[in-house]
Structures are given as C-alpha cells and as structure tokens.
Amino acid sequence: MRADTDLVMQLRLKAAFQDLVAAAANDRGLESPLRDFVTAAKTWQQQHGYECAWHWPELDETMKKLKSPAVDAVLDEQGEGKTPYDRVEDQLRKTETFTTRLISAMEQSARP
C-alpha cells in the first residue's frame, strides 16, 4: 500500500537525520551517518518529487558541521542580479530547486 511505503520512507529519513544530528553534536564521524541520510533523502525525494525549500530544525546547523564547500554553497546562496526584481527572481528559482541541489551536494560530500 502506498501510504505504508511512504510512511516507512519518511521514518527512515527521519531516523537517518537524527543519527546524523547526534553524530554531529557529539563530534563523532559523520561519513557513515551522512551516507545513510543521503540514501534515505534520495529515496524519499525520488518517490515524491519534492524540490522546493527544505528546512528542518537542526538541518542547517548540522550541514555546516560537514565543512563541505558544496553543501555550504547551497546553504549560503543569495539571490543575484542587478535589480531587486532580478535578485528576488533568482532567489525564488534557487528556492524551487533547493532540496535536489542540497541532496546532490550532500552526495558529493559523502563520497569516500
């Protein structure tokens, strides 16, 4: 049943995230928890197709502890352009693809 599958994916994603948060908070190795989180996040995202803004409590703080240039670039981006309209338009475009770009950056950082 689809609802059961979705629930299992969501619970795996949340558990993998909590493991990553705990590892970051306790200065443990992040490689394995990050790989598990990326795997769960990709599975969930591919099922649902969600791409827009993705903000969870502790997400940015935990991602910053990775010290990954690719992840930091996604987290720190601002709208760019010559006019206020251009900057807002660019920021909205970036927001609409935030989740897939963050997952991709995390995946790059998780490679051995």
PDB file of N, CA and C in Angstrom:
ATOM      1  N   MET A   1       0.840  -1.177   0.000  1.00  0.00           N
ATOM      2  CA  MET A   1       0.000   0.000   0.000  1.00  0.00           C
ATOM      3  C   MET A   1       0.890   1.247   0.000  1.00  0.00           C
ATOM      4  N   ARG A   2       0.569   2.223  -0.815  1.00  0.00           N
ATOM      5  CA  ARG A   2       1.384   3.429  -0.979  1.00  0.00           C
ATOM      6  C   ARG A   2       1.577   4.180   0.337  1.00  0.00           C
ATOM      7  N   ALA A   3       0.529   4.311   1.125  1.00  0.00           N
ATOM      8  CA  ALA A   3       0.646   5.054   2.381  1.00  0.00           C
ATOM      9  C   ALA A   3       1.657   4.386   3.309  1.00  0.00           C
ATOM     10  N   ASP A   4       1.655   3.064   3.345  1.00  0.00           N
ATOM     11  CA  ASP A   4       2.612   2.338   4.186  1.00  0.00           C
ATOM     12  C   ASP A   4       4.045   2.559   3.695  1.00  0.00           C
ATOM     13  N   THR A   5       4.227   2.475   2.398  1.00  0.00           N
ATOM     14  CA  THR A   5       5.555   2.687   1.808  1.00  0.00           C
ATOM     15  C   THR A   5       6.054   4.101   2.096  1.00  0.00           C
ATOM     16  N   ASP A   6       5.177   5.081   1.923  1.00  0.00           N
ATOM     17  CA  ASP A   6       5.548   6.465   2.196  1.00  0.00           C
ATOM     18  C   ASP A   6       5.924   6.669   3.664  1.00  0.00           C
ATOM     19  N   LEU A   7       5.169   6.067   4.541  1.00  0.00           N
ATOM     20  CA  LEU A   7       5.458   6.186   5.972  1.00  0.00           C
ATOM     21  C   LEU A   7       6.808   5.563   6.317  1.00  0.00           C
ATOM     22  N   VAL A   8       7.087   4.398   5.769  1.00  0.00           N
ATOM     23  CA  VAL A   8       8.382   3.746   6.008  1.00  0.00           C
ATOM     24  C   VAL A   8       9.523   4.636   5.505  1.00  0.00           C
ATOM     25  N   MET A   9       9.375   5.212   4.306  1.00  0.00           N
ATOM     26  CA  MET A   9      10.404   6.101   3.767  1.00  0.00           C
ATOM     27  C   MET A   9      10.608   7.314   4.662  1.00  0.00           C
ATOM     28  N   GLN A  10       9.513   7.903   5.112  1.00  0.00           N
ATOM     29  CA  GLN A  10       9.597   9.091   5.964  1.00  0.00           C
ATOM     30  C   GLN A  10      10.272   8.750   7.300  1.00  0.00           C
ATOM     31  N   LEU A  11       9.942   7.617   7.871  1.00  0.00           N
ATOM     32  CA  LEU A  11      10.555   7.220   9.140  1.00  0.00           C
ATOM     33  C   LEU A  11      12.045   6.911   8.973  1.00  0.00           C
ATOM     34  N   ARG A  12      12.404   6.291   7.873  1.00  0.00           N
ATOM     35  CA  ARG A  12      13.830   6.027   7.612  1.00  0.00           C
ATOM     36  C   ARG A  12      14.594   7.328   7.420  1.00  0.00           C
ATOM     37  N   LEU A  13      13.984   8.273   6.720  1.00  0.00           N
ATOM     38  CA  LEU A  13      14.608   9.572   6.516  1.00  0.00           C
ATOM     39  C   LEU A  13      14.799  10.286   7.847  1.00  0.00           C
ATOM     40  N   LYS A  14      13.784  10.311   8.665  1.00  0.00           N
ATOM     41  CA  LYS A  14      13.866  10.979   9.973  1.00  0.00           C
ATOM     42  C   LYS A  14      14.898  10.298  10.866  1.00  0.00           C
ATOM     43  N   ALA A  15      14.922   8.974  10.881  1.00  0.00           N
ATOM     44  CA  ALA A  15      15.894   8.247  11.708  1.00  0.00           C
ATOM     45  C   ALA A  15      17.326   8.521  11.240  1.00  0.00           C
ATOM     46  N   ALA A  16      17.543   8.519   9.934  1.00  0.00           N
ATOM     47  CA  ALA A  16      18.878   8.793   9.403  1.00  0.00           C
ATOM     48  C   ALA A  16      19.299  10.223   9.735  1.00  0.00           C
ATOM     49  N   PHE A  17      18.366  11.157   9.665  1.00  0.00           N
ATOM     50  CA  PHE A  17      18.677  12.538  10.016  1.00  0.00           C
ATOM     51  C   PHE A  17      19.026  12.645  11.498  1.00  0.00           C
ATOM     52  N   GLN A  18      18.252  12.015  12.342  1.00  0.00           N
ATOM     53  CA  GLN A  18      18.533  12.074  13.783  1.00  0.00           C
ATOM     54  C   GLN A  18      19.889  11.453  14.107  1.00  0.00           C
ATOM     55  N   ASP A  19      20.256  10.375  13.419  1.00  0.00           N
ATOM     56  CA  ASP A  19      21.587   9.782  13.606  1.00  0.00           C
ATOM     57  C   ASP A  19      22.680  10.761  13.194  1.00  0.00           C
ATOM     58  N   LEU A  20      22.472  11.466  12.086  1.00  0.00           N
ATOM     59  CA  LEU A  20      23.449  12.447  11.618  1.00  0.00           C
ATOM     60  C   LEU A  20      23.559  13.611  12.612  1.00  0.00           C
ATOM     61  N   VAL A  21      22.437  14.100  13.089  1.00  0.00           N
ATOM     62  CA  VAL A  21      22.438  15.189  14.077  1.00  0.00           C
ATOM     63  C   VAL A  21      23.179  14.760  15.332  1.00  0.00           C
ATOM     64  N   ALA A  22      22.911  13.547  15.816  1.00  0.00           N
ATOM     65  CA  ALA A  22      23.570  13.053  17.028  1.00  0.00           C
ATOM     66  C   ALA A  22      25.075  12.917  16.820  1.00  0.00           C
ATOM     67  N   ALA A  23      25.479  12.416  15.670  1.00  0.00           N
ATOM     68  CA  ALA A  23      26.908  12.272  15.378  1.00  0.00           C
ATOM     69  C   ALA A  23      27.578  13.644  15.341  1.00  0.00           C
ATOM     70  N   ALA A  24      26.925  14.612  14.715  1.00  0.00           N
ATOM     71  CA  ALA A  24      27.495  15.963  14.633  1.00  0.00           C
ATOM     72  C   ALA A  24      27.562  16.612  16.010  1.00  0.00           C
ATOM     73  N   ALA A  25      26.544  16.426  16.803  1.00  0.00           N
ATOM     74  CA  ALA A  25      26.502  17.035  18.140  1.00  0.00           C
ATOM     75  C   ALA A  25      27.545  16.445  19.079  1.00  0.00           C
ATOM     76  N   ASN A  26      27.909  15.193  18.844  1.00  0.00           N
ATOM     77  CA  ASN A  26      28.847  14.509  19.727  1.00  0.00           C
ATOM     78  C   ASN A  26      30.234  14.364  19.110  1.00  0.00           C
ATOM     79  N   ASP A  27      30.485  15.134  18.046  1.00  0.00           N
ATOM     80  CA  ASP A  27      31.784  15.124  17.376  1.00  0.00           C
ATOM     81  C   ASP A  27      32.243  13.723  16.996  1.00  0.00           C
ATOM     82  N   ARG A  28      31.283  12.911  16.547  1.00  0.00           N
ATOM     83  CA  ARG A  28      31.625  11.584  16.031  1.00  0.00           C
ATOM     84  C   ARG A  28      31.803  11.683  14.528  1.00  0.00           C
ATOM     85  N   GLY A  29      32.324  10.639  13.933  1.00  0.00           N
ATOM     86  CA  GLY A  29      32.491  10.613  12.483  1.00  0.00           C
ATOM     87  C   GLY A  29      31.160  10.811  11.777  1.00  0.00           C
ATOM     88  N   LEU A  30      31.177  11.630  10.752  1.00  0.00           N
ATOM     89  CA  LEU A  30      29.945  11.941  10.022  1.00  0.00           C
ATOM     90  C   LEU A  30      29.798  11.171   8.722  1.00  0.00           C
ATOM     91  N   GLU A  31      30.837  10.453   8.302  1.00  0.00           N
ATOM     92  CA  GLU A  31      30.811   9.816   6.989  1.00  0.00           C
ATOM     93  C   GLU A  31      29.665   8.815   6.844  1.00  0.00           C
ATOM     94  N   SER A  32      29.583   7.870   7.753  1.00  0.00           N
ATOM     95  CA  SER A  32      28.544   6.840   7.652  1.00  0.00           C
ATOM     96  C   SER A  32      27.140   7.414   7.860  1.00  0.00           C
ATOM     97  N   PRO A  33      26.915   8.237   8.903  1.00  0.00           N
ATOM     98  CA  PRO A  33      25.573   8.818   9.050  1.00  0.00           C
ATOM     99  C   PRO A  33      25.172   9.697   7.869  1.00  0.00           C
ATOM    100  N   LEU A  34      26.146  10.404   7.270  1.00  0.00           N
ATOM    101  CA  LEU A  34      25.823  11.232   6.105  1.00  0.00           C
ATOM    102  C   LEU A  34      25.412  10.363   4.928  1.00  0.00           C
ATOM    103  N   ARG A  35      26.139   9.293   4.673  1.00  0.00           N
ATOM    104  CA  ARG A  35      25.766   8.390   3.567  1.00  0.00           C
ATOM    105  C   ARG A  35      24.360   7.820   3.784  1.00  0.00           C
ATOM    106  N   ASP A  36      24.069   7.425   5.015  1.00  0.00           N
ATOM    107  CA  ASP A  36      22.728   6.887   5.305  1.00  0.00           C
ATOM    108  C   ASP A  36      21.645   7.942   5.089  1.00  0.00           C
ATOM    109  N   PHE A  37      21.926   9.172   5.511  1.00  0.00           N
ATOM    110  CA  PHE A  37      20.958  10.246   5.330  1.00  0.00           C
ATOM    111  C   PHE A  37      20.756  10.564   3.844  1.00  0.00           C
ATOM    112  N   VAL A  38      21.843  10.612   3.092  1.00  0.00           N
ATOM    113  CA  VAL A  38      21.739  10.876   1.649  1.00  0.00           C
ATOM    114  C   VAL A  38      20.920   9.786   0.969  1.00  0.00           C
ATOM    115  N   THR A  39      21.176   8.544   1.310  1.00  0.00           N
ATOM    116  CA  THR A  39      20.425   7.430   0.718  1.00  0.00           C
ATOM    117  C   THR A  39      18.939   7.558   1.020  1.00  0.00           C
ATOM    118  N   ALA A  40      18.609   7.823   2.276  1.00  0.00           N
ATOM    119  CA  ALA A  40      17.197   7.955   2.666  1.00  0.00           C
ATOM    120  C   ALA A  40      16.561   9.182   2.014  1.00  0.00           C
ATOM    121  N   ALA A  41      17.305  10.284   1.947  1.00  0.00           N
ATOM    122  CA  ALA A  41      16.775  11.513   1.355  1.00  0.00           C
ATOM    123  C   ALA A  41      16.515  11.338  -0.140  1.00  0.00           C
ATOM    124  N   LYS A  42      17.456  10.705  -0.845  1.00  0.00           N
ATOM    125  CA  LYS A  42      17.268  10.471  -2.283  1.00  0.00           C
ATOM    126  C   LYS A  42      16.070   9.568  -2.535  1.00  0.00           C
ATOM    127  N   THR A  43      15.942   8.522  -1.748  1.00  0.00           N
ATOM    128  CA  THR A  43      14.816   7.601  -1.905  1.00  0.00           C
ATOM    129  C   THR A  43      13.499   8.336  -1.714  1.00  0.00           C
ATOM    130  N   TRP A  44      13.416   9.121  -0.648  1.00  0.00           N
ATOM    131  CA  TRP A  44      12.202   9.875  -0.358  1.00  0.00           C
ATOM    132  C   TRP A  44      11.919  10.894  -1.461  1.00  0.00           C
ATOM    133  N   GLN A  45      12.938  11.652  -1.860  1.00  0.00           N
ATOM    134  CA  GLN A  45      12.745  12.696  -2.857  1.00  0.00           C
ATOM    135  C   GLN A  45      12.336  12.108  -4.200  1.00  0.00           C
ATOM    136  N   GLN A  46      12.945  11.003  -4.601  1.00  0.00           N
ATOM    137  CA  GLN A  46      12.592  10.385  -5.883  1.00  0.00           C
ATOM    138  C   GLN A  46      11.161   9.861  -5.874  1.00  0.00           C
ATOM    139  N   GLN A  47      10.698   9.414  -4.733  1.00  0.00           N
ATOM    140  CA  GLN A  47       9.315   8.933  -4.627  1.00  0.00           C
ATOM    141  C   GLN A  47       8.328  10.093  -4.761  1.00  0.00           C
ATOM    142  N   HIS A  48       8.647  11.216  -4.104  1.00  0.00           N
ATOM    143  CA  HIS A  48       7.688  12.311  -4.010  1.00  0.00           C
ATOM    144  C   HIS A  48       7.939  13.447  -5.000  1.00  0.00           C
ATOM    145  N   GLY A  49       9.167  13.553  -5.508  1.00  0.00           N
ATOM    146  CA  GLY A  49       9.471  14.588  -6.475  1.00  0.00           C
ATOM    147  C   GLY A  49       9.561  15.991  -5.891  1.00  0.00           C
ATOM    148  N   TYR A  50       9.595  16.107  -4.581  1.00  0.00           N
ATOM    149  CA  TYR A  50       9.666  17.420  -3.943  1.00  0.00           C
ATOM    150  C   TYR A  50      11.032  18.053  -4.203  1.00  0.00           C
ATOM    151  N   GLU A  51      11.050  19.318  -4.607  1.00  0.00           N
ATOM    152  CA  GLU A  51      12.298  20.001  -4.919  1.00  0.00           C
ATOM    153  C   GLU A  51      12.457  21.336  -4.207  1.00  0.00           C
ATOM    154  N   CYS A  52      11.409  21.901  -3.696  1.00  0.00           N
ATOM    155  CA  CYS A  52      11.429  23.264  -3.187  1.00  0.00           C
ATOM    156  C   CYS A  52      12.200  23.372  -1.860  1.00  0.00           C
ATOM    157  N   ALA A  53      12.027  24.472  -1.151  1.00  0.00           N
ATOM    158  CA  ALA A  53      12.739  24.725   0.101  1.00  0.00           C
ATOM    159  C   ALA A  53      12.555  23.576   1.076  1.00  0.00           C
ATOM    160  N   TRP A  54      13.633  23.274   1.770  1.00  0.00           N
ATOM    161  CA  TRP A  54      13.643  22.151   2.711  1.00  0.00           C
ATOM    162  C   TRP A  54      14.306  22.645   3.973  1.00  0.00           C
ATOM    163  N   HIS A  55      13.546  22.869   5.004  1.00  0.00           N
ATOM    164  CA  HIS A  55      14.117  23.366   6.252  1.00  0.00           C
ATOM    165  C   HIS A  55      13.554  22.561   7.408  1.00  0.00           C
ATOM    166  N   TRP A  56      14.442  21.950   8.134  1.00  0.00           N
ATOM    167  CA  TRP A  56      14.079  21.214   9.334  1.00  0.00           C
ATOM    168  C   TRP A  56      14.840  21.834  10.488  1.00  0.00           C
ATOM    169  N   PRO A  57      14.310  21.734  11.699  1.00  0.00           N
ATOM    170  CA  PRO A  57      15.126  22.154  12.847  1.00  0.00           C
ATOM    171  C   PRO A  57      16.447  21.375  12.824  1.00  0.00           C
ATOM    172  N   GLU A  58      17.510  22.055  13.035  1.00  0.00           N
ATOM    173  CA  GLU A  58      18.863  21.492  13.101  1.00  0.00           C
ATOM    174  C   GLU A  58      19.471  21.151  11.735  1.00  0.00           C
ATOM    175  N   LEU A  59      18.753  21.328  10.654  1.00  0.00           N
ATOM    176  CA  LEU A  59      19.299  20.951   9.352  1.00  0.00           C
ATOM    177  C   LEU A  59      20.523  21.798   8.987  1.00  0.00           C
ATOM    178  N   ASP A  60      20.353  23.126   8.972  1.00  0.00           N
ATOM    179  CA  ASP A  60      21.473  23.984   8.569  1.00  0.00           C
ATOM    180  C   ASP A  60      22.663  23.829   9.514  1.00  0.00           C
ATOM    181  N   GLU A  61      22.393  23.824  10.801  1.00  0.00           N
ATOM    182  CA  GLU A  61      23.468  23.692  11.794  1.00  0.00           C
ATOM    183  C   GLU A  61      24.248  22.396  11.587  1.00  0.00           C
ATOM    184  N   THR A  62      23.556  21.311  11.358  1.00  0.00           N
ATOM    185  CA  THR A  62      24.210  20.021  11.157  1.00  0.00           C
ATOM    186  C   THR A  62      24.967  20.005   9.836  1.00  0.00           C
ATOM    187  N   MET A  63      24.366  20.536   8.782  1.00  0.00           N
ATOM    188  CA  MET A  63      25.027  20.554   7.479  1.00  0.00           C
ATOM    189  C   MET A  63      26.312  21.387   7.520  1.00  0.00           C
ATOM    190  N   LYS A  64      26.312  22.483   8.278  1.00  0.00           N
ATOM    191  CA  LYS A  64      27.509  23.330   8.389  1.00  0.00           C
ATOM    192  C   LYS A  64      28.669  22.577   9.037  1.00  0.00           C
ATOM    193  N   LYS A  65      28.362  21.619   9.898  1.00  0.00           N
ATOM    194  CA  LYS A  65      29.406  20.840  10.567  1.00  0.00           C
ATOM    195  C   LYS A  65      30.121  19.899   9.603  1.00  0.00           C
ATOM    196  N   LEU A  66      29.546  19.678   8.432  1.00  0.00           N
ATOM    197  CA  LEU A  66      30.203  18.848   7.429  1.00  0.00           C
ATOM    198  C   LEU A  66      31.433  19.553   6.856  1.00  0.00           C
ATOM    199  N   LYS A  67      31.424  20.870   6.927  1.00  0.00           N
ATOM    200  CA  LYS A  67      32.509  21.678   6.354  1.00  0.00           C
ATOM    201  C   LYS A  67      32.742  21.317   4.884  1.00  0.00           C
ATOM    202  N   SER A  68      31.624  21.204   4.181  1.00  0.00           N
ATOM    203  CA  SER A  68      31.641  20.846   2.766  1.00  0.00           C
ATOM    204  C   SER A  68      31.413  22.096   1.926  1.00  0.00           C
ATOM    205  N   PRO A  69      32.369  22.444   1.071  1.00  0.00           N
ATOM    206  CA  PRO A  69      32.157  23.603   0.196  1.00  0.00           C
ATOM    207  C   PRO A  69      30.891  23.474  -0.660  1.00  0.00           C
ATOM    208  N   ALA A  70      30.592  22.275  -1.134  1.00  0.00           N
ATOM    209  CA  ALA A  70      29.409  22.073  -1.984  1.00  0.00           C
ATOM    210  C   ALA A  70      28.121  22.312  -1.194  1.00  0.00           C
ATOM    211  N   VAL A  71      28.054  21.765   0.018  1.00  0.00           N
ATOM    212  CA  VAL A  71      26.863  21.949   0.861  1.00  0.00           C
ATOM    213  C   VAL A  71      26.752  23.406   1.298  1.00  0.00           C
ATOM    214  N   ASP A  72      27.857  23.990   1.743  1.00  0.00           N
ATOM    215  CA  ASP A  72      27.833  25.387   2.182  1.00  0.00           C
ATOM    216  C   ASP A  72      27.397  26.322   1.061  1.00  0.00           C
ATOM    217  N   ALA A  73      27.800  26.033  -0.163  1.00  0.00           N
ATOM    218  CA  ALA A  73      27.411  26.878  -1.296  1.00  0.00           C
ATOM    219  C   ALA A  73      25.892  26.899  -1.469  1.00  0.00           C
ATOM    220  N   VAL A  74      25.253  25.749  -1.287  1.00  0.00           N
ATOM    221  CA  VAL A  74      23.788  25.690  -1.403  1.00  0.00           C
ATOM    222  C   VAL A  74      23.142  26.421  -0.228  1.00  0.00           C
ATOM    223  N   LEU A  75      23.641  26.178   0.967  1.00  0.00           N
ATOM    224  CA  LEU A  75      23.042  26.793   2.153  1.00  0.00           C
ATOM    225  C   LEU A  75      23.225  28.308   2.190  1.00  0.00           C
ATOM    226  N   ASP A  76      24.333  28.804   1.664  1.00  0.00           N
ATOM    227  CA  ASP A  76      24.671  30.222   1.783  1.00  0.00           C
ATOM    228  C   ASP A  76      24.243  31.082   0.601  1.00  0.00           C
ATOM    229  N   GLU A  77      23.670  30.477  -0.426  1.00  0.00           N
ATOM    230  CA  GLU A  77      23.391  31.246  -1.628  1.00  0.00           C
ATOM    231  C   GLU A  77      22.337  32.326  -1.376  1.00  0.00           C
ATOM    232  N   GLN A  78      22.512  33.398  -2.106  1.00  0.00           N
ATOM    233  CA  GLN A  78      21.609  34.545  -2.082  1.00  0.00           C
ATOM    234  C   GLN A  78      21.186  34.833  -3.512  1.00  0.00           C
ATOM    235  N   GLY A  79      20.069  35.497  -3.641  1.00  0.00           N
ATOM    236  CA  GLY A  79      19.635  35.908  -4.967  1.00  0.00           C
ATOM    237  C   GLY A  79      20.633  36.879  -5.565  1.00  0.00           C
ATOM    238  N   GLU A  80      20.905  36.723  -6.840  1.00  0.00           N
ATOM    239  CA  GLU A  80      21.858  37.584  -7.531  1.00  0.00           C
ATOM    240  C   GLU A  80      21.154  38.299  -8.671  1.00  0.00           C
ATOM    241  N   GLY A  81      21.659  39.442  -9.017  1.00  0.00           N
ATOM    242  CA  GLY A  81      21.122  40.202 -10.137  1.00  0.00           C
ATOM    243  C   GLY A  81      21.358  41.682  -9.945  1.00  0.00           C
ATOM    244  N   LYS A  82      21.114  42.441 -11.007  1.00  0.00           N
ATOM    245  CA  LYS A  82      21.374  43.881 -10.973  1.00  0.00           C
ATOM    246  C   LYS A  82      20.285  44.652 -10.240  1.00  0.00           C
ATOM    247  N   THR A  83      19.055  44.183 -10.347  1.00  0.00           N
ATOM    248  CA  THR A  83      17.940  44.918  -9.739  1.00  0.00           C
ATOM    249  C   THR A  83      17.335  44.089  -8.613  1.00  0.00           C
ATOM    250  N   PRO A  84      16.568  44.740  -7.721  1.00  0.00           N
ATOM    251  CA  PRO A  84      15.875  43.968  -6.686  1.00  0.00           C
ATOM    252  C   PRO A  84      14.991  42.869  -7.290  1.00  0.00           C
ATOM    253  N   TYR A  85      14.306  43.182  -8.395  1.00  0.00           N
ATOM    254  CA  TYR A  85      13.473  42.185  -9.066  1.00  0.00           C
ATOM    255  C   TYR A  85      14.313  40.985  -9.491  1.00  0.00           C
ATOM    256  N   ASP A  86      15.470  41.238 -10.100  1.00  0.00           N
ATOM    257  CA  ASP A  86      16.350  40.151 -10.546  1.00  0.00           C
ATOM    258  C   ASP A  86      16.804  39.285  -9.365  1.00  0.00           C
ATOM    259  N   ARG A  87      17.114  39.931  -8.245  1.00  0.00           N
ATOM    260  CA  ARG A  87      17.583  39.185  -7.072  1.00  0.00           C
ATOM    261  C   ARG A  87      16.473  38.315  -6.486  1.00  0.00           C
ATOM    262  N   VAL A  88      15.264  38.855  -6.431  1.00  0.00           N
ATOM    263  CA  VAL A  88      14.121  38.079  -5.925  1.00  0.00           C
ATOM    264  C   VAL A  88      13.816  36.925  -6.871  1.00  0.00           C
ATOM    265  N   GLU A  89      13.807  37.192  -8.165  1.00  0.00           N
ATOM    266  CA  GLU A  89      13.547  36.147  -9.156  1.00  0.00           C
ATOM    267  C   GLU A  89      14.580  35.022  -9.041  1.00  0.00           C
ATOM    268  N   ASP A  90      15.852  35.396  -8.907  1.00  0.00           N
ATOM    269  CA  ASP A  90      16.915  34.399  -8.787  1.00  0.00           C
ATOM    270  C   ASP A  90      16.778  33.592  -7.494  1.00  0.00           C
ATOM    271  N   GLN A  91      16.444  34.271  -6.401  1.00  0.00           N
ATOM    272  CA  GLN A  91      16.277  33.555  -5.135  1.00  0.00           C
ATOM    273  C   GLN A  91      15.102  32.591  -5.202  1.00  0.00           C
ATOM    274  N   LEU A  92      14.024  32.987  -5.833  1.00  0.00           N
ATOM    275  CA  LEU A  92      12.878  32.083  -5.991  1.00  0.00           C
ATOM    276  C   LEU A  92      13.246  30.872  -6.833  1.00  0.00           C
ATOM    277  N   ARG A  93      14.014  31.096  -7.899  1.00  0.00           N
ATOM    278  CA  ARG A  93      14.462  29.974  -8.741  1.00  0.00           C
ATOM    279  C   ARG A  93      15.308  29.019  -7.924  1.00  0.00           C
ATOM    280  N   LYS A  94      16.192  29.547  -7.120  1.00  0.00           N
ATOM    281  CA  LYS A  94      17.049  28.703  -6.279  1.00  0.00           C
ATOM    282  C   LYS A  94      16.225  27.966  -5.226  1.00  0.00           C
ATOM    283  N   THR A  95      15.233  28.638  -4.670  1.00  0.00           N
ATOM    284  CA  THR A  95      14.380  28.006  -3.664  1.00  0.00           C
ATOM    285  C   THR A  95      13.611  26.833  -4.254  1.00  0.00           C
ATOM    286  N   GLU A  96      13.173  26.973  -5.496  1.00  0.00           N
ATOM    287  CA  GLU A  96      12.367  25.938  -6.146  1.00  0.00           C
ATOM    288  C   GLU A  96      13.145  24.657  -6.437  1.00  0.00           C
ATOM    289  N   THR A  97      14.470  24.711  -6.378  1.00  0.00           N
ATOM    290  CA  THR A  97      15.287  23.516  -6.627  1.00  0.00           C
ATOM    291  C   THR A  97      16.202  23.192  -5.441  1.00  0.00           C
ATOM    292  N   PHE A  98      15.927  23.795  -4.302  1.00  0.00           N
ATOM    293  CA  PHE A  98      16.810  23.693  -3.146  1.00  0.00           C
ATOM    294  C   PHE A  98      17.055  22.244  -2.710  1.00  0.00           C
ATOM    295  N   THR A  99      15.992  21.480  -2.533  1.00  0.00           N
ATOM    296  CA  THR A  99      16.137  20.127  -1.994  1.00  0.00           C
ATOM    297  C   THR A  99      16.990  19.235  -2.884  1.00  0.00           C
ATOM    298  N   THR A 100      16.731  19.232  -4.165  1.00  0.00           N
ATOM    299  CA  THR A 100      17.520  18.368  -5.047  1.00  0.00           C
ATOM    300  C   THR A 100      18.977  18.814  -5.104  1.00  0.00           C
ATOM    301  N   ARG A 101      19.211  20.119  -5.074  1.00  0.00           N
ATOM    302  CA  ARG A 101      20.591  20.608  -5.095  1.00  0.00           C
ATOM    303  C   ARG A 101      21.312  20.309  -3.780  1.00  0.00           C
ATOM    304  N   LEU A 102      20.608  20.415  -2.651  1.00  0.00           N
ATOM    305  CA  LEU A 102      21.225  20.077  -1.366  1.00  0.00           C
ATOM    306  C   LEU A 102      21.545  18.588  -1.294  1.00  0.00           C
ATOM    307  N   ILE A 103      20.634  17.749  -1.732  1.00  0.00           N
ATOM    308  CA  ILE A 103      20.891  16.307  -1.731  1.00  0.00           C
ATOM    309  C   ILE A 103      22.095  15.991  -2.615  1.00  0.00           C
ATOM    310  N   SER A 104      22.166  16.619  -3.771  1.00  0.00           N
ATOM    311  CA  SER A 104      23.307  16.398  -4.665  1.00  0.00           C
ATOM    312  C   SER A 104      24.618  16.842  -4.002  1.00  0.00           C
ATOM    313  N   ALA A 105      24.600  17.989  -3.343  1.00  0.00           N
ATOM    314  CA  ALA A 105      25.809  18.467  -2.656  1.00  0.00           C
ATOM    315  C   ALA A 105      26.197  17.537  -1.500  1.00  0.00           C
ATOM    316  N   MET A 106      25.206  17.047  -0.784  1.00  0.00           N
ATOM    317  CA  MET A 106      25.500  16.094   0.308  1.00  0.00           C
ATOM    318  C   MET A 106      26.081  14.807  -0.266  1.00  0.00           C
ATOM    319  N   GLU A 107      25.541  14.369  -1.382  1.00  0.00           N
ATOM    320  CA  GLU A 107      26.032  13.151  -2.030  1.00  0.00           C
ATOM    321  C   GLU A 107      27.494  13.322  -2.438  1.00  0.00           C
ATOM    322  N   GLN A 108      27.854  14.471  -2.988  1.00  0.00           N
ATOM    323  CA  GLN A 108      29.250  14.759  -3.324  1.00  0.00           C
ATOM    324  C   GLN A 108      30.125  14.674  -2.074  1.00  0.00           C
ATOM    325  N   SER A 109      29.635  15.221  -0.984  1.00  0.00           N
ATOM    326  CA  SER A 109      30.404  15.242   0.260  1.00  0.00           C
ATOM    327  C   SER A 109      30.510  13.878   0.906  1.00  0.00           C
ATOM    328  N   ALA A 110      29.584  12.997   0.599  1.00  0.00           N
ATOM    329  CA  ALA A 110      29.566  11.665   1.222  1.00  0.00           C
ATOM    330  C   ALA A 110      30.467  10.664   0.500  1.00  0.00           C
ATOM    331  N   ARG A 111      30.945  11.043  -0.684  1.00  0.00           N
ATOM    332  CA  ARG A 111      31.812  10.123  -1.433  1.00  0.00           C
ATOM    333  C   ARG A 111      33.133   9.960  -0.711  1.00  0.00           C
ATOM    334  N   PRO A 112      33.616   8.713  -0.663  1.00  0.00           N
ATOM    335  CA  PRO A 112      34.899   8.478   0.025  1.00  0.00           C
ATOM    336  C   PRO A 112      36.087   9.072  -0.697  1.00  0.00           C
TER     337      PRO A 112
END
